[in-house]
Amino acid sequence: MSTQQHSVETLLNTALELFMELASDNLPEHEITLFNQAFNERGLLAETEPGDDWDGDVGFEVTDADYAEIWVGLENSEQEVEHLFARMLIARAVDEKFCHIEWLPD
């Protein structure tokens, strides 16, 4: 029996909401200022395959089928990642409420 999964759009929206709610408690003031000044023009909100380092961070096996890694950052003019504010690991399953955030730069 397959588990219902969030759409990528829902995962991205959830990630941005969590970022906005928690950033002021987890990032230095200059990072908040940079986000506020640049995100509307150069914002990066993207899903990527979970990195290999998550298993050690969360204490269980992380698979691409079950979890999405979301990046919140800024792009340069070539649409390459210029600056990351956070990496987030979010459960894809609708009935699983899991999110782990790595705030950057660390």
PDB file of N, CA and C in Angstrom:
ATOM      1  N   MET A   1       0.845  -1.183   0.000  1.00  0.00           N
ATOM      2  CA  MET A   1       0.000   0.000   0.000  1.00  0.00           C
ATOM      3  C   MET A   1       0.890   1.245   0.000  1.00  0.00           C
ATOM      4  N   SER A   2       0.704   2.110  -0.968  1.00  0.00           N
ATOM      5  CA  SER A   2       1.551   3.294  -1.052  1.00  0.00           C
ATOM      6  C   SER A   2       1.003   4.410  -0.167  1.00  0.00           C
ATOM      7  N   THR A   3       1.919   5.192   0.373  1.00  0.00           N
ATOM      8  CA  THR A   3       1.579   6.302   1.241  1.00  0.00           C
ATOM      9  C   THR A   3       1.425   7.553   0.391  1.00  0.00           C
ATOM     10  N   GLN A   4       0.409   8.343   0.693  1.00  0.00           N
ATOM     11  CA  GLN A   4       0.216   9.589  -0.049  1.00  0.00           C
ATOM     12  C   GLN A   4       1.370  10.539   0.267  1.00  0.00           C
ATOM     13  N   GLN A   5       1.899  11.169  -0.790  1.00  0.00           N
ATOM     14  CA  GLN A   5       3.043  12.054  -0.610  1.00  0.00           C
ATOM     15  C   GLN A   5       2.685  13.481  -0.999  1.00  0.00           C
ATOM     16  N   HIS A   6       3.371  14.422  -0.311  1.00  0.00           N
ATOM     17  CA  HIS A   6       3.213  15.829  -0.642  1.00  0.00           C
ATOM     18  C   HIS A   6       3.769  16.097  -2.039  1.00  0.00           C
ATOM     19  N   SER A   7       3.186  17.059  -2.736  1.00  0.00           N
ATOM     20  CA  SER A   7       3.754  17.513  -4.003  1.00  0.00           C
ATOM     21  C   SER A   7       5.022  18.303  -3.707  1.00  0.00           C
ATOM     22  N   VAL A   8       5.874  18.453  -4.714  1.00  0.00           N
ATOM     23  CA  VAL A   8       7.084  19.256  -4.552  1.00  0.00           C
ATOM     24  C   VAL A   8       6.703  20.683  -4.169  1.00  0.00           C
ATOM     25  N   GLU A   9       5.675  21.217  -4.781  1.00  0.00           N
ATOM     26  CA  GLU A   9       5.225  22.586  -4.463  1.00  0.00           C
ATOM     27  C   GLU A   9       4.852  22.709  -2.989  1.00  0.00           C
ATOM     28  N   THR A  10       4.139  21.730  -2.459  1.00  0.00           N
ATOM     29  CA  THR A  10       3.765  21.755  -1.041  1.00  0.00           C
ATOM     30  C   THR A  10       4.994  21.675  -0.148  1.00  0.00           C
ATOM     31  N   LEU A  11       5.953  20.811  -0.513  1.00  0.00           N
ATOM     32  CA  LEU A  11       7.192  20.705   0.264  1.00  0.00           C
ATOM     33  C   LEU A  11       7.947  22.026   0.276  1.00  0.00           C
ATOM     34  N   LEU A  12       8.027  22.681  -0.887  1.00  0.00           N
ATOM     35  CA  LEU A  12       8.732  23.960  -0.972  1.00  0.00           C
ATOM     36  C   LEU A  12       8.016  25.031  -0.143  1.00  0.00           C
ATOM     37  N   ASN A  13       6.704  25.077  -0.232  1.00  0.00           N
ATOM     38  CA  ASN A  13       5.938  26.058   0.548  1.00  0.00           C
ATOM     39  C   ASN A  13       6.101  25.824   2.044  1.00  0.00           C
ATOM     40  N   THR A  14       6.046  24.558   2.454  1.00  0.00           N
ATOM     41  CA  THR A  14       6.234  24.221   3.863  1.00  0.00           C
ATOM     42  C   THR A  14       7.625  24.629   4.333  1.00  0.00           C
ATOM     43  N   ALA A  15       8.629  24.336   3.524  1.00  0.00           N
ATOM     44  CA  ALA A  15      10.004  24.686   3.872  1.00  0.00           C
ATOM     45  C   ALA A  15      10.162  26.196   4.044  1.00  0.00           C
ATOM     46  N   LEU A  16       9.591  26.965   3.132  1.00  0.00           N
ATOM     47  CA  LEU A  16       9.716  28.418   3.230  1.00  0.00           C
ATOM     48  C   LEU A  16       8.987  28.945   4.465  1.00  0.00           C
ATOM     49  N   GLU A  17       7.812  28.405   4.751  1.00  0.00           N
ATOM     50  CA  GLU A  17       7.080  28.822   5.958  1.00  0.00           C
ATOM     51  C   GLU A  17       7.890  28.536   7.218  1.00  0.00           C
ATOM     52  N   LEU A  18       8.454  27.332   7.316  1.00  0.00           N
ATOM     53  CA  LEU A  18       9.268  26.980   8.479  1.00  0.00           C
ATOM     54  C   LEU A  18      10.506  27.866   8.572  1.00  0.00           C
ATOM     55  N   PHE A  19      11.138  28.105   7.434  1.00  0.00           N
ATOM     56  CA  PHE A  19      12.314  28.979   7.412  1.00  0.00           C
ATOM     57  C   PHE A  19      11.956  30.362   7.943  1.00  0.00           C
ATOM     58  N   MET A  20      10.882  30.933   7.435  1.00  0.00           N
ATOM     59  CA  MET A  20      10.477  32.292   7.834  1.00  0.00           C
ATOM     60  C   MET A  20      10.149  32.343   9.336  1.00  0.00           C
ATOM     61  N   GLU A  21       9.544  31.288   9.837  1.00  0.00           N
ATOM     62  CA  GLU A  21       9.159  31.238  11.244  1.00  0.00           C
ATOM     63  C   GLU A  21      10.365  31.101  12.174  1.00  0.00           C
ATOM     64  N   LEU A  22      11.396  30.359  11.737  1.00  0.00           N
ATOM     65  CA  LEU A  22      12.497  29.997  12.627  1.00  0.00           C
ATOM     66  C   LEU A  22      13.814  30.725  12.374  1.00  0.00           C
ATOM     67  N   ALA A  23      13.939  31.398  11.252  1.00  0.00           N
ATOM     68  CA  ALA A  23      15.228  32.000  10.877  1.00  0.00           C
ATOM     69  C   ALA A  23      15.740  32.997  11.906  1.00  0.00           C
ATOM     70  N   SER A  24      14.878  33.839  12.430  1.00  0.00           N
ATOM     71  CA  SER A  24      15.346  34.880  13.358  1.00  0.00           C
ATOM     72  C   SER A  24      15.944  34.292  14.637  1.00  0.00           C
ATOM     73  N   ASP A  25      15.558  33.061  14.988  1.00  0.00           N
ATOM     74  CA  ASP A  25      16.108  32.408  16.180  1.00  0.00           C
ATOM     75  C   ASP A  25      17.368  31.597  15.882  1.00  0.00           C
ATOM     76  N   ASN A  26      17.685  31.410  14.598  1.00  0.00           N
ATOM     77  CA  ASN A  26      18.766  30.495  14.242  1.00  0.00           C
ATOM     78  C   ASN A  26      19.852  31.062  13.338  1.00  0.00           C
ATOM     79  N   LEU A  27      19.642  32.237  12.792  1.00  0.00           N
ATOM     80  CA  LEU A  27      20.648  32.852  11.925  1.00  0.00           C
ATOM     81  C   LEU A  27      21.096  34.182  12.518  1.00  0.00           C
ATOM     82  N   PRO A  28      22.359  34.557  12.285  1.00  0.00           N
ATOM     83  CA  PRO A  28      22.833  35.865  12.743  1.00  0.00           C
ATOM     84  C   PRO A  28      22.076  36.995  12.023  1.00  0.00           C
ATOM     85  N   GLU A  29      22.043  38.139  12.632  1.00  0.00           N
ATOM     86  CA  GLU A  29      21.292  39.286  12.100  1.00  0.00           C
ATOM     87  C   GLU A  29      21.708  39.641  10.676  1.00  0.00           C
ATOM     88  N   HIS A  30      23.014  39.576  10.363  1.00  0.00           N
ATOM     89  CA  HIS A  30      23.451  39.932   9.004  1.00  0.00           C
ATOM     90  C   HIS A  30      22.904  38.957   7.960  1.00  0.00           C
ATOM     91  N   GLU A  31      22.689  37.692   8.335  1.00  0.00           N
ATOM     92  CA  GLU A  31      22.101  36.726   7.405  1.00  0.00           C
ATOM     93  C   GLU A  31      20.615  37.037   7.173  1.00  0.00           C
ATOM     94  N   ILE A  32      19.919  37.419   8.223  1.00  0.00           N
ATOM     95  CA  ILE A  32      18.506  37.805   8.104  1.00  0.00           C
ATOM     96  C   ILE A  32      18.382  39.024   7.194  1.00  0.00           C
ATOM     97  N   THR A  33      19.267  39.986   7.392  1.00  0.00           N
ATOM     98  CA  THR A  33      19.266  41.195   6.564  1.00  0.00           C
ATOM     99  C   THR A  33      19.515  40.841   5.103  1.00  0.00           C
ATOM    100  N   LEU A  34      20.501  39.998   4.838  1.00  0.00           N
ATOM    101  CA  LEU A  34      20.804  39.578   3.465  1.00  0.00           C
ATOM    102  C   LEU A  34      19.594  38.875   2.845  1.00  0.00           C
ATOM    103  N   PHE A  35      18.969  37.977   3.589  1.00  0.00           N
ATOM    104  CA  PHE A  35      17.774  37.291   3.082  1.00  0.00           C
ATOM    105  C   PHE A  35      16.693  38.305   2.721  1.00  0.00           C
ATOM    106  N   ASN A  36      16.404  39.207   3.638  1.00  0.00           N
ATOM    107  CA  ASN A  36      15.341  40.198   3.419  1.00  0.00           C
ATOM    108  C   ASN A  36      15.633  41.114   2.230  1.00  0.00           C
ATOM    109  N   GLN A  37      16.884  41.461   2.022  1.00  0.00           N
ATOM    110  CA  GLN A  37      17.249  42.366   0.931  1.00  0.00           C
ATOM    111  C   GLN A  37      17.277  41.668  -0.429  1.00  0.00           C
ATOM    112  N   ALA A  38      17.654  40.392  -0.469  1.00  0.00           N
ATOM    113  CA  ALA A  38      17.950  39.761  -1.755  1.00  0.00           C
ATOM    114  C   ALA A  38      16.995  38.645  -2.175  1.00  0.00           C
ATOM    115  N   PHE A  39      16.203  38.089  -1.272  1.00  0.00           N
ATOM    116  CA  PHE A  39      15.447  36.892  -1.621  1.00  0.00           C
ATOM    117  C   PHE A  39      14.410  37.135  -2.717  1.00  0.00           C
ATOM    118  N   ASN A  40      13.730  38.275  -2.707  1.00  0.00           N
ATOM    119  CA  ASN A  40      12.713  38.530  -3.736  1.00  0.00           C
ATOM    120  C   ASN A  40      13.286  38.533  -5.144  1.00  0.00           C
ATOM    121  N   GLU A  41      14.522  39.004  -5.303  1.00  0.00           N
ATOM    122  CA  GLU A  41      15.136  39.090  -6.630  1.00  0.00           C
ATOM    123  C   GLU A  41      15.966  37.861  -6.997  1.00  0.00           C
ATOM    124  N   ARG A  42      16.652  37.272  -6.002  1.00  0.00           N
ATOM    125  CA  ARG A  42      17.596  36.192  -6.318  1.00  0.00           C
ATOM    126  C   ARG A  42      17.347  34.938  -5.489  1.00  0.00           C
ATOM    127  N   GLY A  43      16.152  34.833  -4.927  1.00  0.00           N
ATOM    128  CA  GLY A  43      15.863  33.732  -4.026  1.00  0.00           C
ATOM    129  C   GLY A  43      15.942  32.365  -4.676  1.00  0.00           C
ATOM    130  N   LEU A  44      16.457  31.417  -3.924  1.00  0.00           N
ATOM    131  CA  LEU A  44      16.561  30.022  -4.332  1.00  0.00           C
ATOM    132  C   LEU A  44      15.768  29.197  -3.329  1.00  0.00           C
ATOM    133  N   LEU A  45      14.792  28.470  -3.835  1.00  0.00           N
ATOM    134  CA  LEU A  45      14.010  27.531  -3.039  1.00  0.00           C
ATOM    135  C   LEU A  45      13.888  26.290  -3.905  1.00  0.00           C
ATOM    136  N   ALA A  46      14.663  25.257  -3.568  1.00  0.00           N
ATOM    137  CA  ALA A  46      14.764  24.112  -4.480  1.00  0.00           C
ATOM    138  C   ALA A  46      14.792  22.792  -3.733  1.00  0.00           C
ATOM    139  N   GLU A  47      14.220  21.782  -4.390  1.00  0.00           N
ATOM    140  CA  GLU A  47      14.299  20.418  -3.883  1.00  0.00           C
ATOM    141  C   GLU A  47      15.508  19.756  -4.529  1.00  0.00           C
ATOM    142  N   THR A  48      16.216  18.984  -3.738  1.00  0.00           N
ATOM    143  CA  THR A  48      17.353  18.233  -4.249  1.00  0.00           C
ATOM    144  C   THR A  48      17.376  16.869  -3.577  1.00  0.00           C
ATOM    145  N   GLU A  49      18.144  15.955  -4.129  1.00  0.00           N
ATOM    146  CA  GLU A  49      18.287  14.631  -3.524  1.00  0.00           C
ATOM    147  C   GLU A  49      18.971  14.787  -2.168  1.00  0.00           C
ATOM    148  N   PRO A  50      18.475  14.110  -1.131  1.00  0.00           N
ATOM    149  CA  PRO A  50      19.104  14.242   0.195  1.00  0.00           C
ATOM    150  C   PRO A  50      20.577  13.871   0.171  1.00  0.00           C
ATOM    151  N   GLY A  51      21.378  14.695   0.824  1.00  0.00           N
ATOM    152  CA  GLY A  51      22.808  14.427   0.926  1.00  0.00           C
ATOM    153  C   GLY A  51      23.092  13.220   1.807  1.00  0.00           C
ATOM    154  N   ASP A  52      24.269  12.633   1.618  1.00  0.00           N
ATOM    155  CA  ASP A  52      24.668  11.444   2.380  1.00  0.00           C
ATOM    156  C   ASP A  52      24.879  11.724   3.862  1.00  0.00           C
ATOM    157  N   ASP A  53      25.053  12.977   4.236  1.00  0.00           N
ATOM    158  CA  ASP A  53      25.348  13.320   5.621  1.00  0.00           C
ATOM    159  C   ASP A  53      24.125  13.314   6.539  1.00  0.00           C
ATOM    160  N   TRP A  54      22.918  13.278   5.976  1.00  0.00           N
ATOM    161  CA  TRP A  54      21.709  13.332   6.813  1.00  0.00           C
ATOM    162  C   TRP A  54      21.599  12.122   7.738  1.00  0.00           C
ATOM    163  N   ASP A  55      21.977  10.927   7.283  1.00  0.00           N
ATOM    164  CA  ASP A  55      21.847   9.724   8.115  1.00  0.00           C
ATOM    165  C   ASP A  55      22.491   9.937   9.486  1.00  0.00           C
ATOM    166  N   GLY A  56      23.690  10.489   9.484  1.00  0.00           N
ATOM    167  CA  GLY A  56      24.397  10.740  10.738  1.00  0.00           C
ATOM    168  C   GLY A  56      23.759  11.843  11.560  1.00  0.00           C
ATOM    169  N   ASP A  57      23.202  12.839  10.892  1.00  0.00           N
ATOM    170  CA  ASP A  57      22.583  13.970  11.598  1.00  0.00           C
ATOM    171  C   ASP A  57      21.284  13.580  12.287  1.00  0.00           C
ATOM    172  N   VAL A  58      20.476  12.743  11.637  1.00  0.00           N
ATOM    173  CA  VAL A  58      19.154  12.424  12.191  1.00  0.00           C
ATOM    174  C   VAL A  58      19.088  11.051  12.851  1.00  0.00           C
ATOM    175  N   GLY A  59      20.090  10.202  12.632  1.00  0.00           N
ATOM    176  CA  GLY A  59      20.150   8.925  13.316  1.00  0.00           C
ATOM    177  C   GLY A  59      19.344   7.797  12.691  1.00  0.00           C
ATOM    178  N   PHE A  60      18.959   7.949  11.430  1.00  0.00           N
ATOM    179  CA  PHE A  60      18.278   6.866  10.712  1.00  0.00           C
ATOM    180  C   PHE A  60      18.577   7.003   9.236  1.00  0.00           C
ATOM    181  N   GLU A  61      18.261   5.947   8.475  1.00  0.00           N
ATOM    182  CA  GLU A  61      18.531   5.956   7.038  1.00  0.00           C
ATOM    183  C   GLU A  61      17.566   6.896   6.318  1.00  0.00           C
ATOM    184  N   VAL A  62      18.127   7.792   5.554  1.00  0.00           N
ATOM    185  CA  VAL A  62      17.345   8.758   4.783  1.00  0.00           C
ATOM    186  C   VAL A  62      17.352   8.335   3.323  1.00  0.00           C
ATOM    187  N   THR A  63      16.164   8.141   2.759  1.00  0.00           N
ATOM    188  CA  THR A  63      16.065   7.775   1.349  1.00  0.00           C
ATOM    189  C   THR A  63      15.349   8.879   0.582  1.00  0.00           C
ATOM    190  N   ASP A  64      15.689   8.992  -0.692  1.00  0.00           N
ATOM    191  CA  ASP A  64      15.059   9.988  -1.559  1.00  0.00           C
ATOM    192  C   ASP A  64      13.563   9.722  -1.712  1.00  0.00           C
ATOM    193  N   ALA A  65      13.162   8.460  -1.608  1.00  0.00           N
ATOM    194  CA  ALA A  65      11.745   8.115  -1.747  1.00  0.00           C
ATOM    195  C   ALA A  65      10.924   8.638  -0.567  1.00  0.00           C
ATOM    196  N   ASP A  66      11.545   8.734   0.612  1.00  0.00           N
ATOM    197  CA  ASP A  66      10.818   9.121   1.825  1.00  0.00           C
ATOM    198  C   ASP A  66      11.041  10.563   2.265  1.00  0.00           C
ATOM    199  N   TYR A  67      12.148  11.164   1.850  1.00  0.00           N
ATOM    200  CA  TYR A  67      12.512  12.506   2.317  1.00  0.00           C
ATOM    201  C   TYR A  67      13.006  13.376   1.168  1.00  0.00           C
ATOM    202  N   ALA A  68      12.738  14.665   1.291  1.00  0.00           N
ATOM    203  CA  ALA A  68      13.250  15.642   0.330  1.00  0.00           C
ATOM    204  C   ALA A  68      14.208  16.569   1.058  1.00  0.00           C
ATOM    205  N   GLU A  69      15.277  16.954   0.383  1.00  0.00           N
ATOM    206  CA  GLU A  69      16.152  17.999   0.904  1.00  0.00           C
ATOM    207  C   GLU A  69      15.772  19.287   0.180  1.00  0.00           C
ATOM    208  N   ILE A  70      15.517  20.315   0.948  1.00  0.00           N
ATOM    209  CA  ILE A  70      15.134  21.617   0.398  1.00  0.00           C
ATOM    210  C   ILE A  70      16.219  22.629   0.741  1.00  0.00           C
ATOM    211  N   TRP A  71      16.620  23.395  -0.252  1.00  0.00           N
ATOM    212  CA  TRP A  71      17.603  24.455  -0.043  1.00  0.00           C
ATOM    213  C   TRP A  71      16.893  25.799  -0.052  1.00  0.00           C
ATOM    214  N   VAL A  72      17.271  26.657   0.899  1.00  0.00           N
ATOM    215  CA  VAL A  72      16.810  28.039   0.934  1.00  0.00           C
ATOM    216  C   VAL A  72      18.058  28.895   0.824  1.00  0.00           C
ATOM    217  N   GLY A  73      18.138  29.684  -0.264  1.00  0.00           N
ATOM    218  CA  GLY A  73      19.350  30.462  -0.468  1.00  0.00           C
ATOM    219  C   GLY A  73      19.178  31.527  -1.525  1.00  0.00           C
ATOM    220  N   LEU A  74      20.306  31.901  -2.115  1.00  0.00           N
ATOM    221  CA  LEU A  74      20.339  32.915  -3.165  1.00  0.00           C
ATOM    222  C   LEU A  74      21.089  32.363  -4.372  1.00  0.00           C
ATOM    223  N   GLU A  75      20.652  32.793  -5.556  1.00  0.00           N
ATOM    224  CA  GLU A  75      21.319  32.429  -6.805  1.00  0.00           C
ATOM    225  C   GLU A  75      22.097  33.627  -7.327  1.00  0.00           C
ATOM    226  N   ASN A  76      23.101  33.342  -8.166  1.00  0.00           N
ATOM    227  CA  ASN A  76      23.785  34.422  -8.875  1.00  0.00           C
ATOM    228  C   ASN A  76      23.116  34.619 -10.235  1.00  0.00           C
ATOM    229  N   SER A  77      23.665  35.467 -11.058  1.00  0.00           N
ATOM    230  CA  SER A  77      23.053  35.775 -12.354  1.00  0.00           C
ATOM    231  C   SER A  77      23.041  34.579 -13.310  1.00  0.00           C
ATOM    232  N   GLU A  78      23.902  33.588 -13.084  1.00  0.00           N
ATOM    233  CA  GLU A  78      23.921  32.379 -13.907  1.00  0.00           C
ATOM    234  C   GLU A  78      22.999  31.298 -13.326  1.00  0.00           C
ATOM    235  N   GLN A  79      22.193  31.659 -12.357  1.00  0.00           N
ATOM    236  CA  GLN A  79      21.272  30.752 -11.667  1.00  0.00           C
ATOM    237  C   GLN A  79      21.996  29.593 -10.994  1.00  0.00           C
ATOM    238  N   GLU A  80      23.164  29.888 -10.456  1.00  0.00           N
ATOM    239  CA  GLU A  80      23.920  28.928  -9.665  1.00  0.00           C
ATOM    240  C   GLU A  80      23.772  29.325  -8.199  1.00  0.00           C
ATOM    241  N   VAL A  81      23.899  28.348  -7.317  1.00  0.00           N
ATOM    242  CA  VAL A  81      23.799  28.628  -5.886  1.00  0.00           C
ATOM    243  C   VAL A  81      24.947  29.540  -5.475  1.00  0.00           C
ATOM    244  N   GLU A  82      24.598  30.677  -4.928  1.00  0.00           N
ATOM    245  CA  GLU A  82      25.606  31.634  -4.466  1.00  0.00           C
ATOM    246  C   GLU A  82      25.740  31.592  -2.943  1.00  0.00           C
ATOM    247  N   HIS A  83      24.621  31.390  -2.253  1.00  0.00           N
ATOM    248  CA  HIS A  83      24.631  31.449  -0.789  1.00  0.00           C
ATOM    249  C   HIS A  83      23.479  30.608  -0.257  1.00  0.00           C
ATOM    250  N   LEU A  84      23.761  29.735   0.699  1.00  0.00           N
ATOM    251  CA  LEU A  84      22.696  28.964   1.340  1.00  0.00           C
ATOM    252  C   LEU A  84      22.477  29.473   2.754  1.00  0.00           C
ATOM    253  N   PHE A  85      21.211  29.646   3.104  1.00  0.00           N
ATOM    254  CA  PHE A  85      20.842  30.008   4.466  1.00  0.00           C
ATOM    255  C   PHE A  85      20.527  28.753   5.273  1.00  0.00           C
ATOM    256  N   ALA A  86      19.903  27.763   4.614  1.00  0.00           N
ATOM    257  CA  ALA A  86      19.512  26.544   5.317  1.00  0.00           C
ATOM    258  C   ALA A  86      19.320  25.390   4.345  1.00  0.00           C
ATOM    259  N   ARG A  87      19.575  24.190   4.869  1.00  0.00           N
ATOM    260  CA  ARG A  87      19.216  22.931   4.215  1.00  0.00           C
ATOM    261  C   ARG A  87      18.176  22.292   5.118  1.00  0.00           C
ATOM    262  N   MET A  88      17.129  21.762   4.505  1.00  0.00           N
ATOM    263  CA  MET A  88      16.059  21.172   5.297  1.00  0.00           C
ATOM    264  C   MET A  88      15.765  19.768   4.794  1.00  0.00           C
ATOM    265  N   LEU A  89      15.532  18.878   5.726  1.00  0.00           N
ATOM    266  CA  LEU A  89      15.122  17.526   5.394  1.00  0.00           C
ATOM    267  C   LEU A  89      13.667  17.395   5.817  1.00  0.00           C
ATOM    268  N   ILE A  90      12.790  17.133   4.864  1.00  0.00           N
ATOM    269  CA  ILE A  90      11.354  17.090   5.123  1.00  0.00           C
ATOM    270  C   ILE A  90      10.791  15.768   4.618  1.00  0.00           C
ATOM    271  N   ALA A  91       9.924  15.166   5.438  1.00  0.00           N
ATOM    272  CA  ALA A  91       9.269  13.912   5.050  1.00  0.00           C
ATOM    273  C   ALA A  91       8.323  14.175   3.891  1.00  0.00           C
ATOM    274  N   ARG A  92       8.344  13.283   2.933  1.00  0.00           N
ATOM    275  CA  ARG A  92       7.445  13.392   1.776  1.00  0.00           C
ATOM    276  C   ARG A  92       6.025  12.914   2.115  1.00  0.00           C
ATOM    277  N   ALA A  93       5.896  11.954   3.023  1.00  0.00           N
ATOM    278  CA  ALA A  93       4.592  11.366   3.350  1.00  0.00           C
ATOM    279  C   ALA A  93       3.697  12.393   4.041  1.00  0.00           C
ATOM    280  N   VAL A  94       2.463  12.467   3.587  1.00  0.00           N
ATOM    281  CA  VAL A  94       1.491  13.410   4.137  1.00  0.00           C
ATOM    282  C   VAL A  94       1.260  13.158   5.625  1.00  0.00           C
ATOM    283  N   ASP A  95       1.263  11.889   6.034  1.00  0.00           N
ATOM    284  CA  ASP A  95       0.957  11.572   7.429  1.00  0.00           C
ATOM    285  C   ASP A  95       2.178  11.579   8.349  1.00  0.00           C
ATOM    286  N   GLU A  96       3.354  11.949   7.840  1.00  0.00           N
ATOM    287  CA  GLU A  96       4.550  12.038   8.682  1.00  0.00           C
ATOM    288  C   GLU A  96       4.974  13.497   8.814  1.00  0.00           C
ATOM    289  N   LYS A  97       5.005  13.969  10.033  1.00  0.00           N
ATOM    290  CA  LYS A  97       5.412  15.351  10.309  1.00  0.00           C
ATOM    291  C   LYS A  97       6.871  15.326  10.765  1.00  0.00           C
ATOM    292  N   PHE A  98       7.791  15.476   9.817  1.00  0.00           N
ATOM    293  CA  PHE A  98       9.205  15.472  10.165  1.00  0.00           C
ATOM    294  C   PHE A  98       9.918  16.542   9.369  1.00  0.00           C
ATOM    295  N   CYS A  99      10.709  17.345  10.074  1.00  0.00           N
ATOM    296  CA  CYS A  99      11.577  18.324   9.432  1.00  0.00           C
ATOM    297  C   CYS A  99      12.810  18.510  10.301  1.00  0.00           C
ATOM    298  N   HIS A 100      13.974  18.466   9.668  1.00  0.00           N
ATOM    299  CA  HIS A 100      15.243  18.735  10.357  1.00  0.00           C
ATOM    300  C   HIS A 100      15.943  19.832   9.549  1.00  0.00           C
ATOM    301  N   ILE A 101      16.386  20.871  10.228  1.00  0.00           N
ATOM    302  CA  ILE A 101      16.992  22.016   9.531  1.00  0.00           C
ATOM    303  C   ILE A 101      18.452  22.154   9.943  1.00  0.00           C
ATOM    304  N   GLU A 102      19.303  22.308   8.937  1.00  0.00           N
ATOM    305  CA  GLU A 102      20.713  22.635   9.156  1.00  0.00           C
ATOM    306  C   GLU A 102      20.867  24.091   8.724  1.00  0.00           C
ATOM    307  N   TRP A 103      21.133  24.932   9.699  1.00  0.00           N
ATOM    308  CA  TRP A 103      21.272  26.370   9.422  1.00  0.00           C
ATOM    309  C   TRP A 103      22.680  26.650   8.942  1.00  0.00           C
ATOM    310  N   LEU A 104      22.812  27.419   7.875  1.00  0.00           N
ATOM    311  CA  LEU A 104      24.119  27.732   7.299  1.00  0.00           C
ATOM    312  C   LEU A 104      24.299  29.246   7.252  1.00  0.00           C
ATOM    313  N   PRO A 105      25.449  29.796   7.186  1.00  0.00           N
ATOM    314  CA  PRO A 105      26.691  29.049   7.348  1.00  0.00           C
ATOM    315  C   PRO A 105      26.846  28.622   8.807  1.00  0.00           C
ATOM    316  N   ASP A 106      27.449  27.486   8.965  1.00  0.00           N
ATOM    317  CA  ASP A 106      27.570  26.893  10.287  1.00  0.00           C
ATOM    318  C   ASP A 106      28.828  27.346  10.988  1.00  0.00           C
TER     319      ASP A 106
END
